[in-house]
Amino acid sequence: MPRVELELGIEQIAKMLETLSQQELETLEFLLQPELAAELRQRRQEAKAEFEEGKTLSSAELFAE
C-alpha cells in the first residue's frame, strides 16, 4: 500500500477535524478505537437474534404514545 507522510501542526489537524461531518467523525472514532467496531458488530448480532426470536417491539409498540 502506498504511503504518504505530511508534516502538520496540531492546529492544522484541529481545523481539519472541525470540517468533518458527523458521519466522518463517527468513522474516525471506529478507526481509532477498533473495540468500538467490535462492540457494534456484537450488538448487531444480538439484535438480529432477538428480532428472529420475536423479542423486539412491533412498530406499533415502538411508536405508541
N, C-alpha and C. Protein backbone atom coordinates (compact mmCIF):
# COMPACT_ATOMS: atom_id res chain seq x y z
N MET A 1 0.84 -1.17 0.00
CA MET A 1 0.00 0.00 0.00
C MET A 1 0.89 1.24 0.00
N PRO A 2 0.61 2.20 -0.87
CA PRO A 2 1.42 3.42 -0.91
C PRO A 2 1.32 4.19 0.40
N ARG A 3 2.36 4.92 0.70
CA ARG A 3 2.39 5.67 1.95
C ARG A 3 2.67 7.14 1.66
N VAL A 4 1.97 8.00 2.35
CA VAL A 4 2.15 9.44 2.22
C VAL A 4 2.41 10.00 3.61
N GLU A 5 3.43 10.84 3.73
CA GLU A 5 3.73 11.47 5.01
C GLU A 5 3.58 12.97 4.87
N LEU A 6 2.92 13.58 5.85
CA LEU A 6 2.71 15.02 5.86
C LEU A 6 3.15 15.56 7.21
N GLU A 7 3.74 16.71 7.20
CA GLU A 7 4.07 17.38 8.45
C GLU A 7 2.97 18.40 8.71
N LEU A 8 2.18 18.15 9.74
CA LEU A 8 1.08 19.03 10.09
C LEU A 8 1.19 19.40 11.56
N GLY A 9 0.89 20.65 11.85
CA GLY A 9 0.84 21.08 13.24
C GLY A 9 -0.50 20.68 13.84
N ILE A 10 -0.54 20.65 15.15
CA ILE A 10 -1.77 20.26 15.84
C ILE A 10 -2.92 21.20 15.49
N GLU A 11 -2.62 22.48 15.27
CA GLU A 11 -3.66 23.44 14.90
C GLU A 11 -4.26 23.10 13.54
N GLN A 12 -3.41 22.67 12.62
CA GLN A 12 -3.90 22.29 11.29
C GLN A 12 -4.79 21.05 11.39
N ILE A 13 -4.39 20.11 12.21
CA ILE A 13 -5.20 18.90 12.39
C ILE A 13 -6.55 19.26 13.01
N ALA A 14 -6.53 20.14 14.00
CA ALA A 14 -7.77 20.56 14.65
C ALA A 14 -8.71 21.22 13.64
N LYS A 15 -8.18 22.07 12.76
CA LYS A 15 -9.01 22.72 11.75
C LYS A 15 -9.60 21.71 10.78
N MET A 16 -8.82 20.70 10.43
CA MET A 16 -9.31 19.66 9.53
C MET A 16 -10.44 18.87 10.20
N LEU A 17 -10.27 18.56 11.48
CA LEU A 17 -11.29 17.81 12.21
C LEU A 17 -12.59 18.60 12.34
N GLU A 18 -12.48 19.91 12.45
CA GLU A 18 -13.68 20.76 12.57
C GLU A 18 -14.54 20.70 11.32
N THR A 19 -13.95 20.39 10.18
CA THR A 19 -14.70 20.37 8.92
C THR A 19 -15.39 19.03 8.65
N LEU A 20 -15.10 18.01 9.48
CA LEU A 20 -15.68 16.69 9.24
C LEU A 20 -17.16 16.67 9.60
N SER A 21 -17.92 15.91 8.83
CA SER A 21 -19.34 15.71 9.13
C SER A 21 -19.47 14.76 10.32
N GLN A 22 -20.67 14.65 10.85
CA GLN A 22 -20.92 13.73 11.97
C GLN A 22 -20.58 12.30 11.58
N GLN A 23 -20.94 11.91 10.35
CA GLN A 23 -20.65 10.54 9.90
C GLN A 23 -19.15 10.31 9.79
N GLU A 24 -18.43 11.32 9.30
CA GLU A 24 -16.98 11.18 9.17
C GLU A 24 -16.31 11.10 10.55
N LEU A 25 -16.83 11.85 11.52
CA LEU A 25 -16.29 11.78 12.88
C LEU A 25 -16.53 10.41 13.49
N GLU A 26 -17.71 9.85 13.24
CA GLU A 26 -18.00 8.51 13.76
C GLU A 26 -17.09 7.47 13.12
N THR A 27 -16.87 7.59 11.82
CA THR A 27 -15.96 6.68 11.13
C THR A 27 -14.56 6.79 11.70
N LEU A 28 -14.11 8.01 11.95
CA LEU A 28 -12.79 8.22 12.54
C LEU A 28 -12.70 7.57 13.91
N GLU A 29 -13.75 7.68 14.70
CA GLU A 29 -13.77 7.04 16.03
C GLU A 29 -13.60 5.53 15.91
N PHE A 30 -14.29 4.92 14.95
CA PHE A 30 -14.17 3.48 14.76
C PHE A 30 -12.76 3.10 14.30
N LEU A 31 -12.16 3.93 13.47
CA LEU A 31 -10.80 3.65 13.00
C LEU A 31 -9.79 3.78 14.13
N LEU A 32 -10.01 4.74 15.01
CA LEU A 32 -9.07 4.96 16.11
C LEU A 32 -9.29 4.02 17.29
N GLN A 33 -10.51 3.48 17.40
CA GLN A 33 -10.84 2.59 18.52
C GLN A 33 -11.51 1.33 17.97
N PRO A 34 -10.72 0.36 17.52
CA PRO A 34 -11.30 -0.86 16.93
C PRO A 34 -12.27 -1.58 17.85
N GLU A 35 -12.13 -1.41 19.18
CA GLU A 35 -13.05 -2.09 20.10
C GLU A 35 -14.47 -1.58 19.93
N LEU A 36 -14.64 -0.33 19.47
CA LEU A 36 -15.98 0.19 19.21
C LEU A 36 -16.63 -0.54 18.04
N ALA A 37 -15.87 -0.78 17.01
CA ALA A 37 -16.39 -1.52 15.85
C ALA A 37 -16.77 -2.94 16.27
N ALA A 38 -15.94 -3.57 17.09
CA ALA A 38 -16.24 -4.92 17.56
C ALA A 38 -17.51 -4.93 18.40
N GLU A 39 -17.68 -3.92 19.26
CA GLU A 39 -18.89 -3.83 20.09
C GLU A 39 -20.12 -3.64 19.21
N LEU A 40 -20.01 -2.81 18.20
CA LEU A 40 -21.13 -2.57 17.30
C LEU A 40 -21.52 -3.85 16.56
N ARG A 41 -20.53 -4.62 16.10
CA ARG A 41 -20.81 -5.90 15.43
C ARG A 41 -21.52 -6.85 16.39
N GLN A 42 -21.06 -6.90 17.64
CA GLN A 42 -21.68 -7.78 18.63
C GLN A 42 -23.12 -7.36 18.90
N ARG A 43 -23.35 -6.07 19.07
CA ARG A 43 -24.72 -5.59 19.32
C ARG A 43 -25.63 -5.91 18.14
N ARG A 44 -25.09 -5.78 16.92
CA ARG A 44 -25.90 -6.07 15.73
C ARG A 44 -26.30 -7.55 15.71
N GLN A 45 -25.35 -8.43 16.04
CA GLN A 45 -25.66 -9.86 16.08
C GLN A 45 -26.71 -10.17 17.14
N GLU A 46 -26.58 -9.54 18.30
CA GLU A 46 -27.55 -9.76 19.38
C GLU A 46 -28.94 -9.25 18.97
N ALA A 47 -28.98 -8.07 18.35
CA ALA A 47 -30.25 -7.50 17.93
C ALA A 47 -30.91 -8.37 16.86
N LYS A 48 -30.10 -8.90 15.95
CA LYS A 48 -30.64 -9.77 14.89
C LYS A 48 -31.23 -11.04 15.50
N ALA A 49 -30.54 -11.61 16.47
CA ALA A 49 -31.04 -12.83 17.13
C ALA A 49 -32.33 -12.53 17.88
N GLU A 50 -32.39 -11.40 18.59
CA GLU A 50 -33.61 -11.03 19.31
C GLU A 50 -34.77 -10.81 18.35
N PHE A 51 -34.49 -10.20 17.22
CA PHE A 51 -35.53 -9.97 16.21
C PHE A 51 -36.07 -11.30 15.69
N GLU A 52 -35.15 -12.21 15.37
CA GLU A 52 -35.55 -13.51 14.85
C GLU A 52 -36.34 -14.32 15.88
N GLU A 53 -36.07 -14.11 17.16
CA GLU A 53 -36.78 -14.82 18.23
C GLU A 53 -38.07 -14.11 18.64
N GLY A 54 -38.36 -12.98 17.99
CA GLY A 54 -39.59 -12.25 18.30
C GLY A 54 -39.52 -11.48 19.60
N LYS A 55 -38.34 -11.14 20.05
CA LYS A 55 -38.18 -10.45 21.34
C LYS A 55 -38.13 -8.93 21.19
N THR A 56 -38.37 -8.43 20.01
CA THR A 56 -38.33 -6.97 19.80
C THR A 56 -39.73 -6.40 19.77
N LEU A 57 -39.82 -5.09 19.94
CA LEU A 57 -41.12 -4.41 19.90
C LEU A 57 -41.62 -4.32 18.47
N SER A 58 -42.92 -4.35 18.32
CA SER A 58 -43.51 -4.11 17.00
C SER A 58 -43.45 -2.62 16.72
N SER A 59 -43.69 -2.21 15.48
CA SER A 59 -43.71 -0.78 15.14
C SER A 59 -44.75 -0.05 15.95
N ALA A 60 -45.91 -0.66 16.13
CA ALA A 60 -47.00 -0.03 16.90
C ALA A 60 -46.57 0.19 18.36
N GLU A 61 -45.93 -0.81 18.95
CA GLU A 61 -45.47 -0.68 20.33
C GLU A 61 -44.35 0.36 20.45
N LEU A 62 -43.49 0.36 19.47
CA LEU A 62 -42.35 1.27 19.50
C LEU A 62 -42.79 2.74 19.42
N PHE A 63 -43.79 3.01 18.61
CA PHE A 63 -44.20 4.39 18.38
C PHE A 63 -45.50 4.77 19.09
N ALA A 64 -45.93 3.93 20.02
CA ALA A 64 -47.15 4.23 20.78
C ALA A 64 -46.91 5.42 21.70
N GLU A 65 -47.92 6.23 21.85
CA GLU A 65 -47.78 7.40 22.73
C GLU A 65 -48.23 7.10 24.12
